Amino acid sequence: MGDIDITQALSKLQAMAAAAQGQAPLQPASNGSADFSKLLQSAVDKVNASEQQADKLIDGFEKGENTNLTEVMIALQKARLSFQAMLEVRNKLVGAYQDIMNMQI
């Protein structure tokens, strides 16, 4: 099995995901790797947007507007899954930070 450059693989996956969603991919930082803070902020913004979209659909359904219950439930599940994924990423980052802090020099 050959060596895999994780940064390159991650940037390719992000570019494909952005292309699938019809968005422009994030531009890499000057050193060739993606800016971590921008990636994290983008992910948080996407989770927030999915939750706001679900809230809009819920409000529309409660008010009796032309909103399908199926659309509401799907939006709720998307928001829930994206939030859970963000929590898992956060937990992994906290675990990695704790591992680094526990290393002996």
N, C-alpha and C. Protein backbone atom coordinates (compact mmCIF):
# COMPACT_ATOMS: atom_id res chain seq x y z
N MET A 1 0.84 -1.16 0.00
CA MET A 1 0.00 0.00 0.00
C MET A 1 0.89 1.24 0.00
N GLY A 2 0.62 2.20 -0.87
CA GLY A 2 1.44 3.39 -0.98
C GLY A 2 1.07 4.44 0.05
N ASP A 3 1.95 5.40 0.21
CA ASP A 3 1.67 6.51 1.11
C ASP A 3 0.58 7.40 0.52
N ILE A 4 -0.30 7.89 1.37
CA ILE A 4 -1.39 8.76 0.94
C ILE A 4 -1.18 10.12 1.59
N ASP A 5 -1.19 11.17 0.78
CA ASP A 5 -1.09 12.52 1.30
C ASP A 5 -2.49 12.95 1.74
N ILE A 6 -2.72 12.96 3.05
CA ILE A 6 -4.06 13.22 3.59
C ILE A 6 -4.54 14.61 3.25
N THR A 7 -3.65 15.58 3.22
CA THR A 7 -4.05 16.95 2.89
C THR A 7 -4.55 17.04 1.46
N GLN A 8 -3.85 16.38 0.57
CA GLN A 8 -4.26 16.39 -0.83
C GLN A 8 -5.58 15.65 -1.01
N ALA A 9 -5.73 14.52 -0.34
CA ALA A 9 -6.98 13.76 -0.44
C ALA A 9 -8.14 14.56 0.12
N LEU A 10 -7.93 15.25 1.25
CA LEU A 10 -8.97 16.06 1.85
C LEU A 10 -9.38 17.21 0.94
N SER A 11 -8.40 17.85 0.33
CA SER A 11 -8.73 18.97 -0.56
C SER A 11 -9.49 18.50 -1.79
N LYS A 12 -9.16 17.30 -2.30
CA LYS A 12 -9.89 16.75 -3.43
C LYS A 12 -11.33 16.42 -3.05
N LEU A 13 -11.51 15.83 -1.86
CA LEU A 13 -12.86 15.51 -1.40
C LEU A 13 -13.69 16.77 -1.20
N GLN A 14 -13.09 17.81 -0.66
CA GLN A 14 -13.81 19.07 -0.45
C GLN A 14 -14.18 19.70 -1.77
N ALA A 15 -13.29 19.63 -2.74
CA ALA A 15 -13.58 20.19 -4.06
C ALA A 15 -14.72 19.44 -4.72
N MET A 16 -14.73 18.11 -4.58
CA MET A 16 -15.81 17.33 -5.16
C MET A 16 -17.14 17.61 -4.47
N ALA A 17 -17.11 17.75 -3.15
CA ALA A 17 -18.33 18.05 -2.40
C ALA A 17 -18.87 19.43 -2.78
N ALA A 18 -17.98 20.39 -2.92
CA ALA A 18 -18.41 21.74 -3.30
C ALA A 18 -18.98 21.74 -4.72
N ALA A 19 -18.36 20.98 -5.61
CA ALA A 19 -18.86 20.89 -6.99
C ALA A 19 -20.23 20.22 -7.02
N ALA A 20 -20.43 19.22 -6.16
CA ALA A 20 -21.72 18.54 -6.11
C ALA A 20 -22.82 19.46 -5.59
N GLN A 21 -22.45 20.39 -4.73
CA GLN A 21 -23.42 21.32 -4.18
C GLN A 21 -23.52 22.60 -5.00
N GLY A 22 -22.74 22.69 -6.07
CA GLY A 22 -22.79 23.86 -6.93
C GLY A 22 -22.09 25.07 -6.35
N GLN A 23 -21.14 24.86 -5.48
CA GLN A 23 -20.41 25.94 -4.84
C GLN A 23 -18.97 25.93 -5.32
N ALA A 24 -18.31 27.07 -5.14
CA ALA A 24 -16.88 27.15 -5.46
C ALA A 24 -16.10 26.52 -4.32
N PRO A 25 -15.10 25.70 -4.62
CA PRO A 25 -14.31 25.09 -3.55
C PRO A 25 -13.47 26.13 -2.82
N LEU A 26 -13.13 25.82 -1.56
CA LEU A 26 -12.29 26.71 -0.78
C LEU A 26 -10.90 26.77 -1.40
N GLN A 27 -10.33 27.95 -1.43
CA GLN A 27 -8.99 28.11 -1.98
C GLN A 27 -7.96 27.73 -0.93
N PRO A 28 -6.93 27.02 -1.30
CA PRO A 28 -5.91 26.66 -0.32
C PRO A 28 -5.13 27.88 0.15
N ALA A 29 -4.58 27.78 1.35
CA ALA A 29 -3.76 28.85 1.89
C ALA A 29 -2.45 28.92 1.11
N SER A 30 -1.65 29.93 1.41
CA SER A 30 -0.42 30.15 0.65
C SER A 30 0.57 29.00 0.77
N ASN A 31 0.52 28.24 1.86
CA ASN A 31 1.46 27.14 2.02
C ASN A 31 0.96 25.85 1.39
N GLY A 32 -0.18 25.89 0.69
CA GLY A 32 -0.68 24.73 -0.01
C GLY A 32 -1.72 23.94 0.76
N SER A 33 -1.88 24.20 2.04
CA SER A 33 -2.91 23.49 2.80
C SER A 33 -4.08 24.43 3.05
N ALA A 34 -5.25 23.87 3.25
CA ALA A 34 -6.45 24.68 3.48
C ALA A 34 -6.34 25.35 4.85
N ASP A 35 -6.86 26.55 4.95
CA ASP A 35 -6.85 27.27 6.21
C ASP A 35 -7.86 26.62 7.14
N PHE A 36 -7.40 26.08 8.25
CA PHE A 36 -8.25 25.31 9.15
C PHE A 36 -9.38 26.13 9.71
N SER A 37 -9.11 27.36 10.10
CA SER A 37 -10.17 28.18 10.70
C SER A 37 -11.28 28.47 9.69
N LYS A 38 -10.92 28.67 8.42
CA LYS A 38 -11.93 28.90 7.39
C LYS A 38 -12.76 27.64 7.16
N LEU A 39 -12.11 26.49 7.14
CA LEU A 39 -12.83 25.23 6.97
C LEU A 39 -13.80 25.00 8.12
N LEU A 40 -13.34 25.24 9.32
CA LEU A 40 -14.18 25.03 10.49
C LEU A 40 -15.35 26.01 10.50
N GLN A 41 -15.09 27.27 10.19
CA GLN A 41 -16.16 28.27 10.15
C GLN A 41 -17.17 27.94 9.07
N SER A 42 -16.71 27.48 7.94
CA SER A 42 -17.60 27.09 6.84
C SER A 42 -18.49 25.94 7.27
N ALA A 43 -17.93 24.97 7.95
CA ALA A 43 -18.72 23.82 8.42
C ALA A 43 -19.77 24.24 9.43
N VAL A 44 -19.40 25.11 10.36
CA VAL A 44 -20.35 25.60 11.36
C VAL A 44 -21.46 26.40 10.68
N ASP A 45 -21.11 27.22 9.69
CA ASP A 45 -22.11 27.99 8.96
C ASP A 45 -23.09 27.09 8.23
N LYS A 46 -22.59 26.01 7.65
CA LYS A 46 -23.47 25.07 6.93
C LYS A 46 -24.43 24.38 7.90
N VAL A 47 -23.95 23.99 9.06
CA VAL A 47 -24.80 23.37 10.06
C VAL A 47 -25.87 24.37 10.51
N ASN A 48 -25.47 25.59 10.74
CA ASN A 48 -26.42 26.63 11.16
C ASN A 48 -27.46 26.88 10.08
N ALA A 49 -27.05 26.91 8.83
CA ALA A 49 -27.98 27.15 7.73
C ALA A 49 -29.00 26.01 7.62
N SER A 50 -28.55 24.77 7.81
CA SER A 50 -29.48 23.65 7.72
C SER A 50 -30.49 23.69 8.87
N GLU A 51 -30.04 24.11 10.06
CA GLU A 51 -30.96 24.23 11.19
C GLU A 51 -31.96 25.37 10.97
N GLN A 52 -31.51 26.48 10.41
CA GLN A 52 -32.42 27.58 10.14
C GLN A 52 -33.44 27.21 9.07
N GLN A 53 -33.01 26.46 8.05
CA GLN A 53 -33.93 26.01 7.01
C GLN A 53 -34.99 25.08 7.60
N ALA A 54 -34.58 24.19 8.48
CA ALA A 54 -35.54 23.30 9.13
C ALA A 54 -36.53 24.10 9.98
N ASP A 55 -36.04 25.12 10.69
CA ASP A 55 -36.93 25.96 11.49
C ASP A 55 -37.94 26.69 10.62
N LYS A 56 -37.51 27.19 9.46
CA LYS A 56 -38.43 27.86 8.55
C LYS A 56 -39.53 26.92 8.08
N LEU A 57 -39.13 25.69 7.73
CA LEU A 57 -40.12 24.72 7.26
C LEU A 57 -41.09 24.34 8.38
N ILE A 58 -40.59 24.22 9.60
CA ILE A 58 -41.46 23.91 10.73
C ILE A 58 -42.47 25.03 10.94
N ASP A 59 -42.00 26.27 10.92
CA ASP A 59 -42.90 27.41 11.10
C ASP A 59 -43.95 27.45 10.00
N GLY A 60 -43.54 27.21 8.78
CA GLY A 60 -44.48 27.21 7.66
C GLY A 60 -45.52 26.11 7.80
N PHE A 61 -45.09 24.96 8.26
CA PHE A 61 -46.02 23.84 8.44
C PHE A 61 -47.01 24.15 9.56
N GLU A 62 -46.52 24.74 10.66
CA GLU A 62 -47.39 25.08 11.79
C GLU A 62 -48.40 26.15 11.42
N LYS A 63 -48.02 27.05 10.54
CA LYS A 63 -48.93 28.13 10.13
C LYS A 63 -49.90 27.68 9.04
N GLY A 64 -49.74 26.47 8.56
CA GLY A 64 -50.64 25.95 7.54
C GLY A 64 -50.29 26.39 6.13
N GLU A 65 -49.06 26.86 5.95
CA GLU A 65 -48.62 27.25 4.61
C GLU A 65 -48.43 26.00 3.76
N ASN A 66 -48.16 26.17 2.51
CA ASN A 66 -48.03 25.05 1.58
C ASN A 66 -46.68 24.35 1.80
N THR A 67 -46.56 23.67 2.96
CA THR A 67 -45.34 22.95 3.30
C THR A 67 -45.70 21.49 3.54
N ASN A 68 -44.97 20.63 2.88
CA ASN A 68 -45.20 19.20 2.97
C ASN A 68 -44.53 18.65 4.24
N LEU A 69 -45.24 17.77 4.96
CA LEU A 69 -44.69 17.18 6.18
C LEU A 69 -43.42 16.39 5.88
N THR A 70 -43.38 15.75 4.72
CA THR A 70 -42.19 14.99 4.35
C THR A 70 -40.97 15.89 4.23
N GLU A 71 -41.14 17.06 3.61
CA GLU A 71 -40.03 18.02 3.49
C GLU A 71 -39.55 18.48 4.85
N VAL A 72 -40.51 18.71 5.76
CA VAL A 72 -40.15 19.15 7.11
C VAL A 72 -39.34 18.08 7.82
N MET A 73 -39.78 16.83 7.74
CA MET A 73 -39.08 15.75 8.42
C MET A 73 -37.69 15.52 7.83
N ILE A 74 -37.58 15.61 6.51
CA ILE A 74 -36.27 15.43 5.88
C ILE A 74 -35.32 16.55 6.29
N ALA A 75 -35.82 17.79 6.31
CA ALA A 75 -34.99 18.92 6.72
C ALA A 75 -34.54 18.77 8.17
N LEU A 76 -35.44 18.30 9.03
CA LEU A 76 -35.08 18.07 10.43
C LEU A 76 -34.00 17.01 10.56
N GLN A 77 -34.10 15.93 9.81
CA GLN A 77 -33.10 14.88 9.87
C GLN A 77 -31.75 15.34 9.34
N LYS A 78 -31.78 16.14 8.26
CA LYS A 78 -30.52 16.69 7.73
C LYS A 78 -29.85 17.58 8.76
N ALA A 79 -30.65 18.42 9.41
CA ALA A 79 -30.08 19.32 10.43
C ALA A 79 -29.53 18.51 11.60
N ARG A 80 -30.27 17.49 12.01
CA ARG A 80 -29.83 16.66 13.13
C ARG A 80 -28.53 15.93 12.79
N LEU A 81 -28.46 15.35 11.61
CA LEU A 81 -27.26 14.62 11.21
C LEU A 81 -26.05 15.54 11.06
N SER A 82 -26.26 16.71 10.48
CA SER A 82 -25.13 17.63 10.32
C SER A 82 -24.64 18.12 11.67
N PHE A 83 -25.56 18.33 12.61
CA PHE A 83 -25.15 18.75 13.96
C PHE A 83 -24.39 17.63 14.66
N GLN A 84 -24.87 16.40 14.53
CA GLN A 84 -24.17 15.27 15.14
C GLN A 84 -22.77 15.08 14.53
N ALA A 85 -22.67 15.27 13.23
CA ALA A 85 -21.36 15.16 12.59
C ALA A 85 -20.41 16.24 13.11
N MET A 86 -20.94 17.45 13.29
CA MET A 86 -20.11 18.54 13.82
C MET A 86 -19.67 18.22 15.25
N LEU A 87 -20.55 17.63 16.05
CA LEU A 87 -20.18 17.24 17.41
C LEU A 87 -19.08 16.18 17.40
N GLU A 88 -19.16 15.23 16.48
CA GLU A 88 -18.13 14.20 16.39
C GLU A 88 -16.78 14.80 16.01
N VAL A 89 -16.79 15.75 15.09
CA VAL A 89 -15.55 16.42 14.71
C VAL A 89 -14.97 17.17 15.90
N ARG A 90 -15.84 17.87 16.62
CA ARG A 90 -15.39 18.59 17.81
C ARG A 90 -14.80 17.64 18.83
N ASN A 91 -15.48 16.52 19.06
CA ASN A 91 -14.97 15.53 20.03
C ASN A 91 -13.62 14.97 19.61
N LYS A 92 -13.45 14.72 18.32
CA LYS A 92 -12.16 14.23 17.83
C LYS A 92 -11.07 15.28 18.01
N LEU A 93 -11.40 16.54 17.75
CA LEU A 93 -10.42 17.61 17.93
C LEU A 93 -10.02 17.78 19.39
N VAL A 94 -11.01 17.70 20.28
CA VAL A 94 -10.71 17.81 21.71
C VAL A 94 -9.86 16.62 22.16
N GLY A 95 -10.19 15.43 21.67
CA GLY A 95 -9.39 14.25 22.01
C GLY A 95 -7.96 14.37 21.51
N ALA A 96 -7.79 14.87 20.28
CA ALA A 96 -6.44 15.05 19.74
C ALA A 96 -5.67 16.09 20.55
N TYR A 97 -6.35 17.17 20.94
CA TYR A 97 -5.71 18.21 21.76
C TYR A 97 -5.27 17.62 23.10
N GLN A 98 -6.13 16.83 23.72
CA GLN A 98 -5.78 16.22 25.01
C GLN A 98 -4.62 15.25 24.86
N ASP A 99 -4.60 14.48 23.76
CA ASP A 99 -3.49 13.57 23.52
C ASP A 99 -2.17 14.33 23.38
N ILE A 100 -2.21 15.43 22.66
CA ILE A 100 -1.00 16.25 22.48
C ILE A 100 -0.55 16.84 23.80
N MET A 101 -1.50 17.31 24.59
CA MET A 101 -1.15 17.93 25.87
C MET A 101 -0.60 16.89 26.86
N ASN A 102 -0.98 15.64 26.71
CA ASN A 102 -0.51 14.58 27.62
C ASN A 102 0.82 13.98 27.19
N MET A 103 1.32 14.37 26.03
CA MET A 103 2.61 13.86 25.56
C MET A 103 3.75 14.40 26.42
N GLN A 104 4.70 13.53 26.68
CA GLN A 104 5.87 13.97 27.43
C GLN A 104 6.93 14.44 26.45
N ILE A 105 7.55 15.51 26.83
CA ILE A 105 8.60 16.10 25.97
C ILE A 105 9.95 15.59 26.36
